[in-house]
Amino acid sequence: MKFLSMMPLVAMSLVLGNTAIAQAETYPPKVVSDFKDACAASAKQSAPSLSATVVDSYCQCAIDQIQTRLTLDDFVGLDKSLSAGEKLTDAQAVNVKALNDSVEFCAKQQAPAKTTTP
């Protein structure tokens, strides 16, 4: 899954925006497993100090969020287009935004709480 390699960078650089939310759809276990494996490999490469628990939680959050925003057909179609280096349609560009928003949401959920001392 080509777009997975950009997830950590995207998660840190994008600002959340309004996106159309698709009807929640549960993806087949193989799609979820493949996503989580690629997500974990990417996260470990980008941030090797993260614990396996944090990485697993982040990747589970990401796929859960993506499933609420993209239909399976949109998700698979986007992956194929990105892997092939194709120019994205306007609809696919919206789907990339939804994907990035999902990833950023989860990155924020995993970020340690900041405390301030007077």
PDB file of N, CA and C in Angstrom:
ATOM      1  N   MET A   1       0.847  -1.170   0.000  1.00  0.00           N
ATOM      2  CA  MET A   1       0.000   0.000   0.000  1.00  0.00           C
ATOM      3  C   MET A   1       0.893   1.234   0.000  1.00  0.00           C
ATOM      4  N   LYS A   2       1.008   1.847  -1.136  1.00  0.00           N
ATOM      5  CA  LYS A   2       1.942   2.939  -1.350  1.00  0.00           C
ATOM      6  C   LYS A   2       1.708   4.118  -0.420  1.00  0.00           C
ATOM      7  N   PHE A   3       0.471   4.542  -0.235  1.00  0.00           N
ATOM      8  CA  PHE A   3       0.229   5.745   0.551  1.00  0.00           C
ATOM      9  C   PHE A   3       0.581   5.568   2.016  1.00  0.00           C
ATOM     10  N   LEU A   4       0.705   4.350   2.460  1.00  0.00           N
ATOM     11  CA  LEU A   4       1.026   4.113   3.865  1.00  0.00           C
ATOM     12  C   LEU A   4       2.411   4.629   4.227  1.00  0.00           C
ATOM     13  N   SER A   5       3.322   4.656   3.261  1.00  0.00           N
ATOM     14  CA  SER A   5       4.674   5.111   3.566  1.00  0.00           C
ATOM     15  C   SER A   5       4.714   6.589   3.898  1.00  0.00           C
ATOM     16  N   MET A   6       3.714   7.353   3.485  1.00  0.00           N
ATOM     17  CA  MET A   6       3.700   8.782   3.775  1.00  0.00           C
ATOM     18  C   MET A   6       2.900   9.114   5.019  1.00  0.00           C
ATOM     19  N   MET A   7       2.319   8.132   5.672  1.00  0.00           N
ATOM     20  CA  MET A   7       1.439   8.410   6.806  1.00  0.00           C
ATOM     21  C   MET A   7       2.099   9.171   7.947  1.00  0.00           C
ATOM     22  N   PRO A   8       3.268   8.779   8.444  1.00  0.00           N
ATOM     23  CA  PRO A   8       3.805   9.540   9.572  1.00  0.00           C
ATOM     24  C   PRO A   8       4.076  10.998   9.221  1.00  0.00           C
ATOM     25  N   LEU A   9       4.606  11.247   8.029  1.00  0.00           N
ATOM     26  CA  LEU A   9       4.867  12.623   7.616  1.00  0.00           C
ATOM     27  C   LEU A   9       3.570  13.389   7.468  1.00  0.00           C
ATOM     28  N   VAL A  10       2.595  12.778   6.833  1.00  0.00           N
ATOM     29  CA  VAL A  10       1.300  13.421   6.652  1.00  0.00           C
ATOM     30  C   VAL A  10       0.651  13.701   7.994  1.00  0.00           C
ATOM     31  N   ALA A  11       0.767  12.757   8.907  1.00  0.00           N
ATOM     32  CA  ALA A  11       0.138  12.915  10.215  1.00  0.00           C
ATOM     33  C   ALA A  11       0.680  14.114  10.958  1.00  0.00           C
ATOM     34  N   MET A  12       1.928  14.430  10.751  1.00  0.00           N
ATOM     35  CA  MET A  12       2.522  15.550  11.455  1.00  0.00           C
ATOM     36  C   MET A  12       2.320  16.879  10.745  1.00  0.00           C
ATOM     37  N   SER A  13       2.009  16.860   9.451  1.00  0.00           N
ATOM     38  CA  SER A  13       2.038  18.102   8.698  1.00  0.00           C
ATOM     39  C   SER A  13       0.681  18.653   8.290  1.00  0.00           C
ATOM     40  N   LEU A  14      -0.366  17.861   8.339  1.00  0.00           N
ATOM     41  CA  LEU A  14      -1.654  18.333   7.848  1.00  0.00           C
ATOM     42  C   LEU A  14      -2.528  18.912   8.942  1.00  0.00           C
ATOM     43  N   VAL A  15      -3.391  19.807   8.559  1.00  0.00           N
ATOM     44  CA  VAL A  15      -4.355  20.388   9.479  1.00  0.00           C
ATOM     45  C   VAL A  15      -5.701  19.749   9.188  1.00  0.00           C
ATOM     46  N   LEU A  16      -6.418  19.379  10.243  1.00  0.00           N
ATOM     47  CA  LEU A  16      -7.722  18.764  10.048  1.00  0.00           C
ATOM     48  C   LEU A  16      -8.657  19.721   9.333  1.00  0.00           C
ATOM     49  N   GLY A  17      -9.521  19.176   8.500  1.00  0.00           N
ATOM     50  CA  GLY A  17     -10.501  19.972   7.784  1.00  0.00           C
ATOM     51  C   GLY A  17     -11.807  19.236   7.700  1.00  0.00           C
ATOM     52  N   ASN A  18     -12.787  19.862   7.102  1.00  0.00           N
ATOM     53  CA  ASN A  18     -14.089  19.225   6.948  1.00  0.00           C
ATOM     54  C   ASN A  18     -14.038  18.269   5.769  1.00  0.00           C
ATOM     55  N   THR A  19     -14.494  17.048   5.990  1.00  0.00           N
ATOM     56  CA  THR A  19     -14.588  16.070   4.909  1.00  0.00           C
ATOM     57  C   THR A  19     -15.943  15.398   4.992  1.00  0.00           C
ATOM     58  N   ALA A  20     -16.387  14.941   3.859  1.00  0.00           N
ATOM     59  CA  ALA A  20     -17.639  14.187   3.853  1.00  0.00           C
ATOM     60  C   ALA A  20     -17.363  12.828   4.473  1.00  0.00           C
ATOM     61  N   ILE A  21     -18.178  12.422   5.392  1.00  0.00           N
ATOM     62  CA  ILE A  21     -17.981  11.153   6.076  1.00  0.00           C
ATOM     63  C   ILE A  21     -18.816  10.093   5.369  1.00  0.00           C
ATOM     64  N   ALA A  22     -18.142   9.041   4.955  1.00  0.00           N
ATOM     65  CA  ALA A  22     -18.830   7.935   4.294  1.00  0.00           C
ATOM     66  C   ALA A  22     -19.541   7.093   5.346  1.00  0.00           C
ATOM     67  N   GLN A  23     -20.478   6.312   4.882  1.00  0.00           N
ATOM     68  CA  GLN A  23     -21.135   5.358   5.775  1.00  0.00           C
ATOM     69  C   GLN A  23     -20.079   4.389   6.279  1.00  0.00           C
ATOM     70  N   ALA A  24     -20.044   4.142   7.572  1.00  0.00           N
ATOM     71  CA  ALA A  24     -19.044   3.237   8.137  1.00  0.00           C
ATOM     72  C   ALA A  24     -19.156   1.871   7.477  1.00  0.00           C
ATOM     73  N   GLU A  25     -18.014   1.331   7.103  1.00  0.00           N
ATOM     74  CA  GLU A  25     -17.975   0.039   6.423  1.00  0.00           C
ATOM     75  C   GLU A  25     -16.812  -0.757   7.003  1.00  0.00           C
ATOM     76  N   THR A  26     -17.061  -1.985   7.370  1.00  0.00           N
ATOM     77  CA  THR A  26     -15.999  -2.838   7.880  1.00  0.00           C
ATOM     78  C   THR A  26     -15.295  -3.486   6.699  1.00  0.00           C
ATOM     79  N   TYR A  27     -13.991  -3.289   6.627  1.00  0.00           N
ATOM     80  CA  TYR A  27     -13.196  -3.875   5.551  1.00  0.00           C
ATOM     81  C   TYR A  27     -12.914  -5.343   5.866  1.00  0.00           C
ATOM     82  N   PRO A  28     -12.645  -6.139   4.823  1.00  0.00           N
ATOM     83  CA  PRO A  28     -12.293  -7.549   5.053  1.00  0.00           C
ATOM     84  C   PRO A  28     -11.042  -7.652   5.933  1.00  0.00           C
ATOM     85  N   PRO A  29     -10.944  -8.713   6.730  1.00  0.00           N
ATOM     86  CA  PRO A  29      -9.796  -8.867   7.637  1.00  0.00           C
ATOM     87  C   PRO A  29      -8.442  -8.770   6.929  1.00  0.00           C
ATOM     88  N   LYS A  30      -8.322  -9.283   5.717  1.00  0.00           N
ATOM     89  CA  LYS A  30      -7.044  -9.235   4.985  1.00  0.00           C
ATOM     90  C   LYS A  30      -6.650  -7.796   4.681  1.00  0.00           C
ATOM     91  N   VAL A  31      -7.596  -6.953   4.309  1.00  0.00           N
ATOM     92  CA  VAL A  31      -7.313  -5.545   4.020  1.00  0.00           C
ATOM     93  C   VAL A  31      -6.850  -4.849   5.296  1.00  0.00           C
ATOM     94  N   VAL A  32      -7.548  -5.108   6.398  1.00  0.00           N
ATOM     95  CA  VAL A  32      -7.186  -4.508   7.687  1.00  0.00           C
ATOM     96  C   VAL A  32      -5.798  -4.968   8.105  1.00  0.00           C
ATOM     97  N   SER A  33      -5.545  -6.267   8.004  1.00  0.00           N
ATOM     98  CA  SER A  33      -4.250  -6.822   8.394  1.00  0.00           C
ATOM     99  C   SER A  33      -3.118  -6.246   7.546  1.00  0.00           C
ATOM    100  N   ASP A  34      -3.308  -6.187   6.233  1.00  0.00           N
ATOM    101  CA  ASP A  34      -2.286  -5.630   5.342  1.00  0.00           C
ATOM    102  C   ASP A  34      -2.015  -4.163   5.684  1.00  0.00           C
ATOM    103  N   PHE A  35      -3.083  -3.422   5.939  1.00  0.00           N
ATOM    104  CA  PHE A  35      -2.923  -2.012   6.296  1.00  0.00           C
ATOM    105  C   PHE A  35      -2.135  -1.879   7.592  1.00  0.00           C
ATOM    106  N   LYS A  36      -2.531  -2.643   8.612  1.00  0.00           N
ATOM    107  CA  LYS A  36      -1.867  -2.534   9.911  1.00  0.00           C
ATOM    108  C   LYS A  36      -0.399  -2.946   9.829  1.00  0.00           C
ATOM    109  N   ASP A  37      -0.093  -3.961   9.035  1.00  0.00           N
ATOM    110  CA  ASP A  37       1.300  -4.382   8.875  1.00  0.00           C
ATOM    111  C   ASP A  37       2.130  -3.274   8.222  1.00  0.00           C
ATOM    112  N   ALA A  38       1.608  -2.694   7.152  1.00  0.00           N
ATOM    113  CA  ALA A  38       2.324  -1.619   6.458  1.00  0.00           C
ATOM    114  C   ALA A  38       2.422  -0.369   7.333  1.00  0.00           C
ATOM    115  N   CYS A  39       1.366  -0.087   8.052  1.00  0.00           N
ATOM    116  CA  CYS A  39       1.341   1.059   8.954  1.00  0.00           C
ATOM    117  C   CYS A  39       2.397   0.893  10.048  1.00  0.00           C
ATOM    118  N   ALA A  40       2.453  -0.282  10.660  1.00  0.00           N
ATOM    119  CA  ALA A  40       3.410  -0.537  11.734  1.00  0.00           C
ATOM    120  C   ALA A  40       4.848  -0.437  11.226  1.00  0.00           C
ATOM    121  N   ALA A  41       5.112  -0.987  10.057  1.00  0.00           N
ATOM    122  CA  ALA A  41       6.463  -0.915   9.485  1.00  0.00           C
ATOM    123  C   ALA A  41       6.861   0.541   9.233  1.00  0.00           C
ATOM    124  N   SER A  42       5.929   1.311   8.694  1.00  0.00           N
ATOM    125  CA  SER A  42       6.197   2.726   8.424  1.00  0.00           C
ATOM    126  C   SER A  42       6.409   3.511   9.710  1.00  0.00           C
ATOM    127  N   ALA A  43       5.572   3.262  10.703  1.00  0.00           N
ATOM    128  CA  ALA A  43       5.686   3.976  11.977  1.00  0.00           C
ATOM    129  C   ALA A  43       6.993   3.636  12.679  1.00  0.00           C
ATOM    130  N   LYS A  44       7.378   2.374  12.657  1.00  0.00           N
ATOM    131  CA  LYS A  44       8.621   1.955  13.310  1.00  0.00           C
ATOM    132  C   LYS A  44       9.838   2.538  12.617  1.00  0.00           C
ATOM    133  N   GLN A  45       9.756   2.669  11.303  1.00  0.00           N
ATOM    134  CA  GLN A  45      10.869   3.255  10.556  1.00  0.00           C
ATOM    135  C   GLN A  45      10.971   4.756  10.839  1.00  0.00           C
ATOM    136  N   SER A  46       9.836   5.417  10.919  1.00  0.00           N
ATOM    137  CA  SER A  46       9.821   6.863  11.142  1.00  0.00           C
ATOM    138  C   SER A  46      10.103   7.245  12.588  1.00  0.00           C
ATOM    139  N   ALA A  47       9.681   6.407  13.514  1.00  0.00           N
ATOM    140  CA  ALA A  47       9.847   6.700  14.945  1.00  0.00           C
ATOM    141  C   ALA A  47      10.213   5.418  15.680  1.00  0.00           C
ATOM    142  N   PRO A  48      11.477   4.982  15.557  1.00  0.00           N
ATOM    143  CA  PRO A  48      11.875   3.694  16.131  1.00  0.00           C
ATOM    144  C   PRO A  48      11.721   3.597  17.643  1.00  0.00           C
ATOM    145  N   SER A  49      11.635   4.717  18.325  1.00  0.00           N
ATOM    146  CA  SER A  49      11.525   4.664  19.783  1.00  0.00           C
ATOM    147  C   SER A  49      10.103   4.380  20.270  1.00  0.00           C
ATOM    148  N   LEU A  50       9.125   4.391  19.363  1.00  0.00           N
ATOM    149  CA  LEU A  50       7.747   4.104  19.781  1.00  0.00           C
ATOM    150  C   LEU A  50       7.599   2.649  20.200  1.00  0.00           C
ATOM    151  N   SER A  51       6.853   2.442  21.258  1.00  0.00           N
ATOM    152  CA  SER A  51       6.618   1.074  21.721  1.00  0.00           C
ATOM    153  C   SER A  51       5.668   0.355  20.757  1.00  0.00           C
ATOM    154  N   ALA A  52       5.733  -0.953  20.787  1.00  0.00           N
ATOM    155  CA  ALA A  52       4.838  -1.758  19.946  1.00  0.00           C
ATOM    156  C   ALA A  52       3.383  -1.477  20.294  1.00  0.00           C
ATOM    157  N   THR A  53       3.101  -1.219  21.557  1.00  0.00           N
ATOM    158  CA  THR A  53       1.733  -0.923  21.992  1.00  0.00           C
ATOM    159  C   THR A  53       1.229   0.382  21.373  1.00  0.00           C
ATOM    160  N   VAL A  54       2.076   1.403  21.371  1.00  0.00           N
ATOM    161  CA  VAL A  54       1.686   2.691  20.796  1.00  0.00           C
ATOM    162  C   VAL A  54       1.484   2.554  19.292  1.00  0.00           C
ATOM    163  N   VAL A  55       2.398   1.858  18.636  1.00  0.00           N
ATOM    164  CA  VAL A  55       2.286   1.664  17.185  1.00  0.00           C
ATOM    165  C   VAL A  55       1.007   0.906  16.849  1.00  0.00           C
ATOM    166  N   ASP A  56       0.725  -0.170  17.584  1.00  0.00           N
ATOM    167  CA  ASP A  56      -0.485  -0.951  17.324  1.00  0.00           C
ATOM    168  C   ASP A  56      -1.737  -0.107  17.539  1.00  0.00           C
ATOM    169  N   SER A  57      -1.741   0.665  18.597  1.00  0.00           N
ATOM    170  CA  SER A  57      -2.892   1.517  18.893  1.00  0.00           C
ATOM    171  C   SER A  57      -3.091   2.569  17.799  1.00  0.00           C
ATOM    172  N   TYR A  58      -1.993   3.179  17.364  1.00  0.00           N
ATOM    173  CA  TYR A  58      -2.039   4.182  16.290  1.00  0.00           C
ATOM    174  C   TYR A  58      -2.587   3.568  15.003  1.00  0.00           C
ATOM    175  N   CYS A  59      -2.049   2.423  14.618  1.00  0.00           N
ATOM    176  CA  CYS A  59      -2.470   1.789  13.366  1.00  0.00           C
ATOM    177  C   CYS A  59      -3.920   1.308  13.432  1.00  0.00           C
ATOM    178  N   GLN A  60      -4.340   0.794  14.582  1.00  0.00           N
ATOM    179  CA  GLN A  60      -5.739   0.380  14.736  1.00  0.00           C
ATOM    180  C   GLN A  60      -6.652   1.591  14.640  1.00  0.00           C
ATOM    181  N   CYS A  61      -6.274   2.664  15.301  1.00  0.00           N
ATOM    182  CA  CYS A  61      -7.049   3.896  15.226  1.00  0.00           C
ATOM    183  C   CYS A  61      -7.166   4.366  13.781  1.00  0.00           C
ATOM    184  N   ALA A  62      -6.042   4.346  13.059  1.00  0.00           N
ATOM    185  CA  ALA A  62      -6.035   4.824  11.672  1.00  0.00           C
ATOM    186  C   ALA A  62      -6.999   4.022  10.797  1.00  0.00           C
ATOM    187  N   ILE A  63      -6.938   2.705  10.863  1.00  0.00           N
ATOM    188  CA  ILE A  63      -7.828   1.906  10.013  1.00  0.00           C
ATOM    189  C   ILE A  63      -9.276   2.054  10.456  1.00  0.00           C
ATOM    190  N   ASP A  64      -9.505   2.198  11.754  1.00  0.00           N
ATOM    191  CA  ASP A  64     -10.875   2.431  12.222  1.00  0.00           C
ATOM    192  C   ASP A  64     -11.421   3.739  11.670  1.00  0.00           C
ATOM    193  N   GLN A  65     -10.619   4.786  11.719  1.00  0.00           N
ATOM    194  CA  GLN A  65     -11.047   6.088  11.207  1.00  0.00           C
ATOM    195  C   GLN A  65     -11.258   6.051   9.688  1.00  0.00           C
ATOM    196  N   ILE A  66     -10.344   5.398   8.996  1.00  0.00           N
ATOM    197  CA  ILE A  66     -10.454   5.306   7.533  1.00  0.00           C
ATOM    198  C   ILE A  66     -11.730   4.582   7.142  1.00  0.00           C
ATOM    199  N   GLN A  67     -12.069   3.518   7.871  1.00  0.00           N
ATOM    200  CA  GLN A  67     -13.285   2.766   7.551  1.00  0.00           C
ATOM    201  C   GLN A  67     -14.546   3.612   7.728  1.00  0.00           C
ATOM    202  N   THR A  68     -14.499   4.625   8.585  1.00  0.00           N
ATOM    203  CA  THR A  68     -15.669   5.491   8.742  1.00  0.00           C
ATOM    204  C   THR A  68     -15.723   6.572   7.677  1.00  0.00           C
ATOM    205  N   ARG A  69     -14.618   6.783   6.967  1.00  0.00           N
ATOM    206  CA  ARG A  69     -14.551   7.883   6.000  1.00  0.00           C
ATOM    207  C   ARG A  69     -14.519   7.440   4.547  1.00  0.00           C
ATOM    208  N   LEU A  70     -14.014   6.241   4.291  1.00  0.00           N
ATOM    209  CA  LEU A  70     -13.888   5.761   2.910  1.00  0.00           C
ATOM    210  C   LEU A  70     -14.559   4.402   2.749  1.00  0.00           C
ATOM    211  N   THR A  71     -15.286   4.250   1.669  1.00  0.00           N
ATOM    212  CA  THR A  71     -15.814   2.929   1.355  1.00  0.00           C
ATOM    213  C   THR A  71     -14.638   2.030   0.987  1.00  0.00           C
ATOM    214  N   LEU A  72     -14.848   0.735   1.039  1.00  0.00           N
ATOM    215  CA  LEU A  72     -13.803  -0.202   0.651  1.00  0.00           C
ATOM    216  C   LEU A  72     -13.371   0.049  -0.792  1.00  0.00           C
ATOM    217  N   ASP A  73     -14.324   0.241  -1.679  1.00  0.00           N
ATOM    218  CA  ASP A  73     -13.987   0.496  -3.088  1.00  0.00           C
ATOM    219  C   ASP A  73     -13.125   1.743  -3.237  1.00  0.00           C
ATOM    220  N   ASP A  74     -13.461   2.808  -2.503  1.00  0.00           N
ATOM    221  CA  ASP A  74     -12.665   4.036  -2.576  1.00  0.00           C
ATOM    222  C   ASP A  74     -11.259   3.816  -2.026  1.00  0.00           C
ATOM    223  N   PHE A  75     -11.169   3.095  -0.919  1.00  0.00           N
ATOM    224  CA  PHE A  75      -9.889   2.822  -0.288  1.00  0.00           C
ATOM    225  C   PHE A  75      -8.988   2.013  -1.217  1.00  0.00           C
ATOM    226  N   VAL A  76      -9.510   0.925  -1.761  1.00  0.00           N
ATOM    227  CA  VAL A  76      -8.737   0.058  -2.650  1.00  0.00           C
ATOM    228  C   VAL A  76      -8.391   0.793  -3.939  1.00  0.00           C
ATOM    229  N   GLY A  77      -9.347   1.535  -4.493  1.00  0.00           N
ATOM    230  CA  GLY A  77      -9.089   2.288  -5.726  1.00  0.00           C
ATOM    231  C   GLY A  77      -8.007   3.335  -5.537  1.00  0.00           C
ATOM    232  N   LEU A  78      -8.025   4.000  -4.399  1.00  0.00           N
ATOM    233  CA  LEU A  78      -7.017   5.008  -4.104  1.00  0.00           C
ATOM    234  C   LEU A  78      -5.638   4.366  -3.993  1.00  0.00           C
ATOM    235  N   ASP A  79      -5.566   3.256  -3.316  1.00  0.00           N
ATOM    236  CA  ASP A  79      -4.296   2.550  -3.181  1.00  0.00           C
ATOM    237  C   ASP A  79      -3.751   2.138  -4.544  1.00  0.00           C
ATOM    238  N   LYS A  80      -4.598   1.609  -5.398  1.00  0.00           N
ATOM    239  CA  LYS A  80      -4.161   1.183  -6.738  1.00  0.00           C
ATOM    240  C   LYS A  80      -3.659   2.369  -7.547  1.00  0.00           C
ATOM    241  N   SER A  81      -4.375   3.480  -7.503  1.00  0.00           N
ATOM    242  CA  SER A  81      -3.967   4.660  -8.262  1.00  0.00           C
ATOM    243  C   SER A  81      -2.636   5.208  -7.764  1.00  0.00           C
ATOM    244  N   LEU A  82      -2.484   5.288  -6.446  1.00  0.00           N
ATOM    245  CA  LEU A  82      -1.230   5.792  -5.887  1.00  0.00           C
ATOM    246  C   LEU A  82      -0.072   4.852  -6.194  1.00  0.00           C
ATOM    247  N   SER A  83      -0.310   3.558  -6.097  1.00  0.00           N
ATOM    248  CA  SER A  83       0.739   2.576  -6.383  1.00  0.00           C
ATOM    249  C   SER A  83       1.175   2.631  -7.838  1.00  0.00           C
ATOM    250  N   ALA A  84       0.232   2.913  -8.725  1.00  0.00           N
ATOM    251  CA  ALA A  84       0.529   2.979 -10.157  1.00  0.00           C
ATOM    252  C   ALA A  84       1.068   4.348 -10.573  1.00  0.00           C
ATOM    253  N   GLY A  85       1.072   5.297  -9.647  1.00  0.00           N
ATOM    254  CA  GLY A  85       1.553   6.642  -9.972  1.00  0.00           C
ATOM    255  C   GLY A  85       0.613   7.419 -10.871  1.00  0.00           C
ATOM    256  N   GLU A  86      -0.655   7.044 -10.845  1.00  0.00           N
ATOM    257  CA  GLU A  86      -1.643   7.706 -11.693  1.00  0.00           C
ATOM    258  C   GLU A  86      -2.025   9.075 -11.135  1.00  0.00           C
ATOM    259  N   LYS A  87      -2.443   9.943 -12.043  1.00  0.00           N
ATOM    260  CA  LYS A  87      -2.983  11.224 -11.612  1.00  0.00           C
ATOM    261  C   LYS A  87      -4.323  10.960 -10.930  1.00  0.00           C
ATOM    262  N   LEU A  88      -4.521  11.582  -9.784  1.00  0.00           N
ATOM    263  CA  LEU A  88      -5.747  11.346  -9.029  1.00  0.00           C
ATOM    264  C   LEU A  88      -6.901  12.170  -9.577  1.00  0.00           C
ATOM    265  N   THR A  89      -8.080  11.583  -9.531  1.00  0.00           N
ATOM    266  CA  THR A  89      -9.290  12.314  -9.887  1.00  0.00           C
ATOM    267  C   THR A  89      -9.622  13.267  -8.741  1.00  0.00           C
ATOM    268  N   ASP A  90     -10.551  14.182  -8.990  1.00  0.00           N
ATOM    269  CA  ASP A  90     -10.980  15.083  -7.920  1.00  0.00           C
ATOM    270  C   ASP A  90     -11.555  14.301  -6.740  1.00  0.00           C
ATOM    271  N   ALA A  91     -12.321  13.273  -7.032  1.00  0.00           N
ATOM    272  CA  ALA A  91     -12.903  12.450  -5.959  1.00  0.00           C
ATOM    273  C   ALA A  91     -11.802  11.751  -5.170  1.00  0.00           C
ATOM    274  N   GLN A  92     -10.776  11.264  -5.852  1.00  0.00           N
ATOM    275  CA  GLN A  92      -9.676  10.614  -5.148  1.00  0.00           C
ATOM    276  C   GLN A  92      -8.888  11.616  -4.304  1.00  0.00           C
ATOM    277  N   ALA A  93      -8.772  12.841  -4.774  1.00  0.00           N
ATOM    278  CA  ALA A  93      -8.093  13.874  -3.988  1.00  0.00           C
ATOM    279  C   ALA A  93      -8.853  14.124  -2.682  1.00  0.00           C
ATOM    280  N   VAL A  94     -10.171  14.108  -2.744  1.00  0.00           N
ATOM    281  CA  VAL A  94     -10.986  14.246  -1.537  1.00  0.00           C
ATOM    282  C   VAL A  94     -10.739  13.049  -0.617  1.00  0.00           C
ATOM    283  N   ASN A  95     -10.617  11.861  -1.205  1.00  0.00           N
ATOM    284  CA  ASN A  95     -10.354  10.666  -0.412  1.00  0.00           C
ATOM    285  C   ASN A  95      -8.974  10.710   0.243  1.00  0.00           C
ATOM    286  N   VAL A  96      -7.988  11.286  -0.442  1.00  0.00           N
ATOM    287  CA  VAL A  96      -6.662  11.452   0.156  1.00  0.00           C
ATOM    288  C   VAL A  96      -6.770  12.357   1.371  1.00  0.00           C
ATOM    289  N   LYS A  97      -7.545  13.407   1.260  1.00  0.00           N
ATOM    290  CA  LYS A  97      -7.747  14.324   2.387  1.00  0.00           C
ATOM    291  C   LYS A  97      -8.380  13.579   3.557  1.00  0.00           C
ATOM    292  N   ALA A  98      -9.383  12.754   3.282  1.00  0.00           N
ATOM    293  CA  ALA A  98     -10.036  11.977   4.343  1.00  0.00           C
ATOM    294  C   ALA A  98      -9.041  11.008   4.981  1.00  0.00           C
ATOM    295  N   LEU A  99      -8.215  10.385   4.164  1.00  0.00           N
ATOM    296  CA  LEU A  99      -7.201   9.478   4.676  1.00  0.00           C
ATOM    297  C   LEU A  99      -6.217  10.231   5.569  1.00  0.00           C
ATOM    298  N   ASN A 100      -5.737  11.355   5.088  1.00  0.00           N
ATOM    299  CA  ASN A 100      -4.782  12.148   5.863  1.00  0.00           C
ATOM    300  C   ASN A 100      -5.388  12.657   7.165  1.00  0.00           C
ATOM    301  N   ASP A 101      -6.640  13.072   7.113  1.00  0.00           N
ATOM    302  CA  ASP A 101      -7.318  13.521   8.327  1.00  0.00           C
ATOM    303  C   ASP A 101      -7.427  12.391   9.347  1.00  0.00           C
ATOM    304  N   SER A 102      -7.688  11.186   8.862  1.00  0.00           N
ATOM    305  CA  SER A 102      -7.780  10.017   9.745  1.00  0.00           C
ATOM    306  C   SER A 102      -6.451   9.774  10.442  1.00  0.00           C
ATOM    307  N   VAL A 103      -5.389   9.819   9.671  1.00  0.00           N
ATOM    308  CA  VAL A 103      -4.057   9.562  10.201  1.00  0.00           C
ATOM    309  C   VAL A 103      -3.661  10.645  11.207  1.00  0.00           C
ATOM    310  N   GLU A 104      -3.933  11.882  10.867  1.00  0.00           N
ATOM    311  CA  GLU A 104      -3.579  12.972  11.782  1.00  0.00           C
ATOM    312  C   GLU A 104      -4.373  12.879  13.080  1.00  0.00           C
ATOM    313  N   PHE A 105      -5.645  12.565  12.984  1.00  0.00           N
ATOM    314  CA  PHE A 105      -6.469  12.400  14.177  1.00  0.00           C
ATOM    315  C   PHE A 105      -5.827  11.380  15.123  1.00  0.00           C
ATOM    316  N   CYS A 106      -5.404  10.260  14.554  1.00  0.00           N
ATOM    317  CA  CYS A 106      -4.831   9.192  15.376  1.00  0.00           C
ATOM    318  C   CYS A 106      -3.464   9.575  15.926  1.00  0.00           C
ATOM    319  N   ALA A 107      -2.683  10.311  15.156  1.00  0.00           N
ATOM    320  CA  ALA A 107      -1.388  10.769  15.654  1.00  0.00           C
ATOM    321  C   ALA A 107      -1.587  11.685  16.859  1.00  0.00           C
ATOM    322  N   LYS A 108      -2.591  12.530  16.787  1.00  0.00           N
ATOM    323  CA  LYS A 108      -2.881  13.419  17.916  1.00  0.00           C
ATOM    324  C   LYS A 108      -3.348  12.622  19.127  1.00  0.00           C
ATOM    325  N   GLN A 109      -4.098  11.557  18.899  1.00  0.00           N
ATOM    326  CA  GLN A 109      -4.570  10.719  19.995  1.00  0.00           C
ATOM    327  C   GLN A 109      -3.410  10.026  20.709  1.00  0.00           C
ATOM    328  N   GLN A 110      -2.354   9.719  19.971  1.00  0.00           N
ATOM    329  CA  GLN A 110      -1.216   8.994  20.536  1.00  0.00           C
ATOM    330  C   GLN A 110      -0.161   9.925  21.120  1.00  0.00           C
ATOM    331  N   ALA A 111      -0.246  11.214  20.804  1.00  0.00           N
ATOM    332  CA  ALA A 111       0.753  12.160  21.309  1.00  0.00           C
ATOM    333  C   ALA A 111       0.640  12.257  22.828  1.00  0.00           C
ATOM    334  N   PRO A 112       1.784  12.268  23.506  1.00  0.00           N
ATOM    335  CA  PRO A 112       1.722  12.393  24.971  1.00  0.00           C
ATOM    336  C   PRO A 112       1.146  13.749  25.379  1.00  0.00           C
ATOM    337  N   ALA A 113       0.400  13.738  26.434  1.00  0.00           N
ATOM    338  CA  ALA A 113      -0.186  14.987  26.925  1.00  0.00           C
ATOM    339  C   ALA A 113       0.935  15.906  27.406  1.00  0.00           C
ATOM    340  N   LYS A 114       0.815  17.165  27.060  1.00  0.00           N
ATOM    341  CA  LYS A 114       1.809  18.146  27.482  1.00  0.00           C
ATOM    342  C   LYS A 114       1.352  18.763  28.788  1.00  0.00           C
ATOM    343  N   THR A 115       2.261  18.830  29.700  1.00  0.00           N
ATOM    344  CA  THR A 115       1.937  19.477  30.968  1.00  0.00           C
ATOM    345  C   THR A 115       2.794  20.721  31.105  1.00  0.00           C
ATOM    346  N   THR A 116       2.250  21.700  31.740  1.00  0.00           N
ATOM    347  CA  THR A 116       3.000  22.928  31.950  1.00  0.00           C
ATOM    348  C   THR A 116       3.219  23.112  33.444  1.00  0.00           C
ATOM    349  N   THR A 117       4.371  23.617  33.764  1.00  0.00           N
ATOM    350  CA  THR A 117       4.652  23.899  35.167  1.00  0.00           C
ATOM    351  C   THR A 117       4.783  25.398  35.334  1.00  0.00           C
ATOM    352  N   PRO A 118       4.222  25.914  36.389  1.00  0.00           N
ATOM    353  CA  PRO A 118       4.285  27.366  36.589  1.00  0.00           C
ATOM    354  C   PRO A 118       5.681  27.852  36.911  1.00  0.00           C
TER     355      PRO A 118
END
